[in-house]
Amino acid sequence: MTYTLLCVKMYNVCLGENAMKTFNTGKFCHQLISLRADKTQQAFADEIGINRSTLSLLETGKQLPTLEILNKICDFSNMIIDEFFIENEKDGLIYLMGNMDESDRKKVGTMIEKIHTREKYSVLARRCLDDIGK
């Protein structure tokens, strides 16, 4: 999972137990191309303060914007970030896990197991310290 994709997933805004907003890539790409209008990609990228190659990837939807880039584009266009999000009925965690590659799911599962193991050892260590103190 790329950093930018993870970043966008991290700023998905939870609205409640069963609803969340997710990034609307199509709308973002269309808006970005409209903002550039007849300018070259290099001129527009310089104007908003990003690399031309990044702009190209953003316009084609091959890369999702980081929060920093999204803020720059919103500042430039006088839009608010919420305009690029749509409401989704899926639970946020299930949605995130469902969109992960299988290898990423395994990594997250392994991480969760390690966290649980560490918690168990912490509890045991506290019990031992309590027993020693008695």
C-alpha atoms as a PDB file:
ATOM      1  CA  MET A   1       0.000   0.000   0.000  1.00  0.00           C
ATOM      2  CA  THR A   2       1.539   3.319  -1.012  1.00  0.00           C
ATOM      3  CA  TYR A   3       1.997   6.168   1.430  1.00  0.00           C
ATOM      4  CA  THR A   4      -0.448   8.438  -0.397  1.00  0.00           C
ATOM      5  CA  LEU A   5      -3.138   5.786  -0.528  1.00  0.00           C
ATOM      6  CA  LEU A   6      -2.705   5.103   3.163  1.00  0.00           C
ATOM      7  CA  CYS A   7      -2.796   8.823   3.853  1.00  0.00           C
ATOM      8  CA  VAL A   8      -6.121   9.239   2.053  1.00  0.00           C
ATOM      9  CA  LYS A   9      -7.550   6.230   3.860  1.00  0.00           C
ATOM     10  CA  MET A  10      -6.401   7.691   7.169  1.00  0.00           C
ATOM     11  CA  TYR A  11      -8.267  10.938   6.628  1.00  0.00           C
ATOM     12  CA  ASN A  12     -11.521   9.306   5.639  1.00  0.00           C
ATOM     13  CA  VAL A  13     -13.935  11.001   8.008  1.00  0.00           C
ATOM     14  CA  CYS A  14     -16.102   8.778  10.221  1.00  0.00           C
ATOM     15  CA  LEU A  15     -19.670  10.036  10.586  1.00  0.00           C
ATOM     16  CA  GLY A  16     -21.038   7.356  12.871  1.00  0.00           C
ATOM     17  CA  GLU A  17     -21.045   3.642  13.481  1.00  0.00           C
ATOM     18  CA  ASN A  18     -22.178   2.656  10.005  1.00  0.00           C
ATOM     19  CA  ALA A  19     -21.334   5.672   7.853  1.00  0.00           C
ATOM     20  CA  MET A  20     -18.210   7.370   6.631  1.00  0.00           C
ATOM     21  CA  LYS A  21     -17.035   9.623   3.839  1.00  0.00           C
ATOM     22  CA  THR A  22     -14.589   8.336   1.282  1.00  0.00           C
ATOM     23  CA  PHE A  23     -12.430  10.179  -1.196  1.00  0.00           C
ATOM     24  CA  ASN A  24     -14.046  10.804  -4.597  1.00  0.00           C
ATOM     25  CA  THR A  25     -11.115  10.263  -6.955  1.00  0.00           C
ATOM     26  CA  GLY A  26     -13.144  10.938 -10.108  1.00  0.00           C
ATOM     27  CA  LYS A  27     -14.347  14.318  -8.913  1.00  0.00           C
ATOM     28  CA  PHE A  28     -10.859  15.245  -7.733  1.00  0.00           C
ATOM     29  CA  CYS A  29      -9.252  14.333 -11.092  1.00  0.00           C
ATOM     30  CA  HIS A  30     -11.923  16.237 -13.041  1.00  0.00           C
ATOM     31  CA  GLN A  31     -11.584  19.317 -10.811  1.00  0.00           C
ATOM     32  CA  LEU A  32      -7.790  19.271 -11.089  1.00  0.00           C
ATOM     33  CA  ILE A  33      -7.916  19.132 -14.896  1.00  0.00           C
ATOM     34  CA  SER A  34     -10.517  21.933 -14.928  1.00  0.00           C
ATOM     35  CA  LEU A  35      -8.366  24.107 -12.673  1.00  0.00           C
ATOM     36  CA  ARG A  36      -5.355  23.650 -14.932  1.00  0.00           C
ATOM     37  CA  ALA A  37      -7.433  24.672 -17.968  1.00  0.00           C
ATOM     38  CA  ASP A  38      -5.079  25.596 -20.834  1.00  0.00           C
ATOM     39  CA  LYS A  39      -1.908  25.855 -18.721  1.00  0.00           C
ATOM     40  CA  THR A  40       0.859  23.302 -19.148  1.00  0.00           C
ATOM     41  CA  GLN A  41       1.226  20.730 -16.422  1.00  0.00           C
ATOM     42  CA  GLN A  42       4.600  22.249 -15.489  1.00  0.00           C
ATOM     43  CA  ALA A  43       3.196  25.792 -15.181  1.00  0.00           C
ATOM     44  CA  PHE A  44       0.222  24.658 -13.106  1.00  0.00           C
ATOM     45  CA  ALA A  45       2.349  22.382 -10.904  1.00  0.00           C
ATOM     46  CA  ASP A  46       4.726  25.288 -10.216  1.00  0.00           C
ATOM     47  CA  GLU A  47       1.757  27.524  -9.409  1.00  0.00           C
ATOM     48  CA  ILE A  48       0.365  25.174  -6.753  1.00  0.00           C
ATOM     49  CA  GLY A  49       3.766  24.035  -5.506  1.00  0.00           C
ATOM     50  CA  ILE A  50       3.997  20.385  -6.527  1.00  0.00           C
ATOM     51  CA  ASN A  51       6.075  18.355  -9.006  1.00  0.00           C
ATOM     52  CA  ARG A  52       4.854  18.047 -12.593  1.00  0.00           C
ATOM     53  CA  SER A  53       5.068  14.247 -12.422  1.00  0.00           C
ATOM     54  CA  THR A  54       2.917  14.258  -9.277  1.00  0.00           C
ATOM     55  CA  LEU A  55       0.349  16.453 -11.042  1.00  0.00           C
ATOM     56  CA  SER A  56       0.254  14.027 -13.967  1.00  0.00           C
ATOM     57  CA  LEU A  57      -0.335  11.062 -11.657  1.00  0.00           C
ATOM     58  CA  LEU A  58      -3.032  12.960  -9.745  1.00  0.00           C
ATOM     59  CA  GLU A  59      -4.857  13.975 -12.940  1.00  0.00           C
ATOM     60  CA  THR A  60      -5.003  10.382 -14.156  1.00  0.00           C
ATOM     61  CA  GLY A  61      -6.030   8.986 -10.757  1.00  0.00           C
ATOM     62  CA  LYS A  62      -2.899   6.836 -10.546  1.00  0.00           C
ATOM     63  CA  GLN A  63      -1.915   8.587  -7.323  1.00  0.00           C
ATOM     64  CA  LEU A  64      -4.092   9.953  -4.549  1.00  0.00           C
ATOM     65  CA  PRO A  65      -3.215  13.283  -2.957  1.00  0.00           C
ATOM     66  CA  THR A  66      -1.615  13.605   0.436  1.00  0.00           C
ATOM     67  CA  LEU A  67      -3.303  15.946   2.902  1.00  0.00           C
ATOM     68  CA  GLU A  68      -0.669  18.556   2.106  1.00  0.00           C
ATOM     69  CA  ILE A  69      -1.361  18.427  -1.635  1.00  0.00           C
ATOM     70  CA  LEU A  70      -5.122  18.330  -1.105  1.00  0.00           C
ATOM     71  CA  ASN A  71      -4.879  21.431   1.090  1.00  0.00           C
ATOM     72  CA  LYS A  72      -2.768  23.233  -1.539  1.00  0.00           C
ATOM     73  CA  ILE A  73      -5.311  22.483  -4.252  1.00  0.00           C
ATOM     74  CA  CYS A  74      -8.236  23.495  -2.039  1.00  0.00           C
ATOM     75  CA  ASP A  75      -6.483  26.753  -1.102  1.00  0.00           C
ATOM     76  CA  PHE A  76      -5.775  27.457  -4.769  1.00  0.00           C
ATOM     77  CA  SER A  77      -9.341  26.732  -5.882  1.00  0.00           C
ATOM     78  CA  ASN A  78     -11.179  28.158  -2.841  1.00  0.00           C
ATOM     79  CA  MET A  79     -12.811  24.771  -2.304  1.00  0.00           C
ATOM     80  CA  ILE A  80     -13.175  22.905   0.958  1.00  0.00           C
ATOM     81  CA  ILE A  81     -11.784  19.404   1.440  1.00  0.00           C
ATOM     82  CA  ASP A  82     -15.241  17.957   2.176  1.00  0.00           C
ATOM     83  CA  GLU A  83     -16.257  18.624  -1.439  1.00  0.00           C
ATOM     84  CA  PHE A  84     -13.991  15.754  -2.522  1.00  0.00           C
ATOM     85  CA  PHE A  85     -15.640  13.197  -0.239  1.00  0.00           C
ATOM     86  CA  ILE A  86     -18.819  11.179  -0.637  1.00  0.00           C
ATOM     87  CA  GLU A  87     -20.845   9.460   2.044  1.00  0.00           C
ATOM     88  CA  ASN A  88     -20.431   5.704   2.275  1.00  0.00           C
ATOM     89  CA  GLU A  89     -22.615   3.323   4.247  1.00  0.00           C
ATOM     90  CA  LYS A  90     -19.856   0.811   5.056  1.00  0.00           C
ATOM     91  CA  ASP A  91     -18.184   0.682   8.444  1.00  0.00           C
ATOM     92  CA  GLY A  92     -14.800   2.385   8.254  1.00  0.00           C
ATOM     93  CA  LEU A  93     -12.652  -0.499   9.483  1.00  0.00           C
ATOM     94  CA  ILE A  94     -14.408  -3.064   7.305  1.00  0.00           C
ATOM     95  CA  TYR A  95     -14.076  -0.711   4.341  1.00  0.00           C
ATOM     96  CA  LEU A  96     -10.361  -0.253   4.947  1.00  0.00           C
ATOM     97  CA  MET A  97      -9.703  -3.963   5.423  1.00  0.00           C
ATOM     98  CA  GLY A  98     -11.766  -4.804   2.345  1.00  0.00           C
ATOM     99  CA  ASN A  99      -9.642  -2.570   0.146  1.00  0.00           C
ATOM    100  CA  MET A 100      -6.316  -3.904   1.365  1.00  0.00           C
ATOM    101  CA  ASP A 101      -4.206  -6.275  -0.646  1.00  0.00           C
ATOM    102  CA  GLU A 102      -4.041  -9.762   0.809  1.00  0.00           C
ATOM    103  CA  SER A 103      -0.398  -9.243   1.759  1.00  0.00           C
ATOM    104  CA  ASP A 104      -1.328  -6.035   3.629  1.00  0.00           C
ATOM    105  CA  ARG A 105      -4.138  -7.835   5.468  1.00  0.00           C
ATOM    106  CA  LYS A 106      -1.663 -10.473   6.608  1.00  0.00           C
ATOM    107  CA  LYS A 107       0.752  -7.770   7.785  1.00  0.00           C
ATOM    108  CA  VAL A 108      -2.001  -6.023   9.752  1.00  0.00           C
ATOM    109  CA  GLY A 109      -3.089  -9.360  11.229  1.00  0.00           C
ATOM    110  CA  THR A 110       0.486 -10.100  12.277  1.00  0.00           C
ATOM    111  CA  MET A 111       0.798  -6.645  13.826  1.00  0.00           C
ATOM    112  CA  ILE A 112      -2.429  -7.130  15.782  1.00  0.00           C
ATOM    113  CA  GLU A 113      -1.188 -10.505  17.055  1.00  0.00           C
ATOM    114  CA  LYS A 114       2.080  -8.896  18.200  1.00  0.00           C
ATOM    115  CA  ILE A 115       0.174  -6.150  20.002  1.00  0.00           C
ATOM    116  CA  HIS A 116      -1.983  -8.722  21.819  1.00  0.00           C
ATOM    117  CA  THR A 117       1.101 -10.763  22.732  1.00  0.00           C
ATOM    118  CA  ARG A 118       2.818  -7.673  24.101  1.00  0.00           C
ATOM    119  CA  GLU A 119      -0.274  -6.796  26.133  1.00  0.00           C
ATOM    120  CA  LYS A 120      -0.299 -10.307  27.648  1.00  0.00           C
ATOM    121  CA  TYR A 121       3.396 -10.040  28.577  1.00  0.00           C
ATOM    122  CA  SER A 122       2.795  -6.624  30.115  1.00  0.00           C
ATOM    123  CA  VAL A 123       0.024  -8.038  32.295  1.00  0.00           C
ATOM    124  CA  LEU A 124       2.263 -10.939  33.351  1.00  0.00           C
ATOM    125  CA  ALA A 125       5.155  -8.575  34.122  1.00  0.00           C
ATOM    126  CA  ARG A 126       2.898  -6.431  36.326  1.00  0.00           C
ATOM    127  CA  ARG A 127       1.657  -9.532  38.176  1.00  0.00           C
ATOM    128  CA  CYS A 128       5.257 -10.664  38.767  1.00  0.00           C
ATOM    129  CA  LEU A 129       6.221  -7.242  40.066  1.00  0.00           C
ATOM    130  CA  ASP A 130       3.183  -7.228  42.338  1.00  0.00           C
ATOM    131  CA  ASP A 131       4.121 -10.694  43.654  1.00  0.00           C
ATOM    132  CA  ILE A 132       7.706  -9.596  44.285  1.00  0.00           C
ATOM    133  CA  GLY A 133       6.492  -6.519  46.136  1.00  0.00           C
ATOM    134  CA  LYS A 134       4.361  -8.609  48.534  1.00  0.00           C
END
